Amino acid sequence: MEVTRKDANQPSDDATAVNGCDNTQDPKQPHDELASKLEQQIRTIATCFRLKEPKCGFSPSEWLVLSALANATEQGLKPLAQQVSISTSTTSKIVRKLLMLRLIEWKRSDTERRGYALCITVHGIKTYRQSRRSAIRNTAACFSSLTVEQLEQVTSLLDLCLPTGKFSY
């Protein structure tokens, strides 16, 4: 039997072959199916958290900005935007909202003589800590059916695949 290579410029006689792929097989692989299941599980967990979280009214992006300021001494707008991986204009809008809520404030920078930096207020720290405690409590409740060893496995696996420090929405 002679095997000949088809010229790439000639049309295919086989209607099932497109771009060299056999379309008669199911395109889903076990990895894709598991990824789909994981995506659904993540949505279920997120829904659980949304239902249990305190009604503080923060979007995920607002929470990122508040968290970044809660864990820093002072920060300018541009470095803050870079840290949380949100555009400067969006970060500016978030900052305005957090300023109106008196969770953060502009202060004269300790490092730059003519500059100003964002800082979290006492009220902001209190709100952040209260929300954080509630989130931890809700997370513990969500995963209470797991043993400590199983929870360690879950967190170790997530550490392998999640980005560290930077998120995009």
Foldseek 3Di string as FASTA:
>chain_A
DDDDDDDPPDDDPDPQADPNDRNPDDPDDPVNVVVVVVVVVVVVLVVLCVVQADPPPDDPLLLLLLVVQLPDAWAAQVVSCVQAVHDSVVSVVSVVVCVVVQQKDWDQDPVDRRDITIHGDPVNNVVSVVRVVSSVVSVCVVCVVDDPVVVVVVVVVCVVPDDPRYDDD
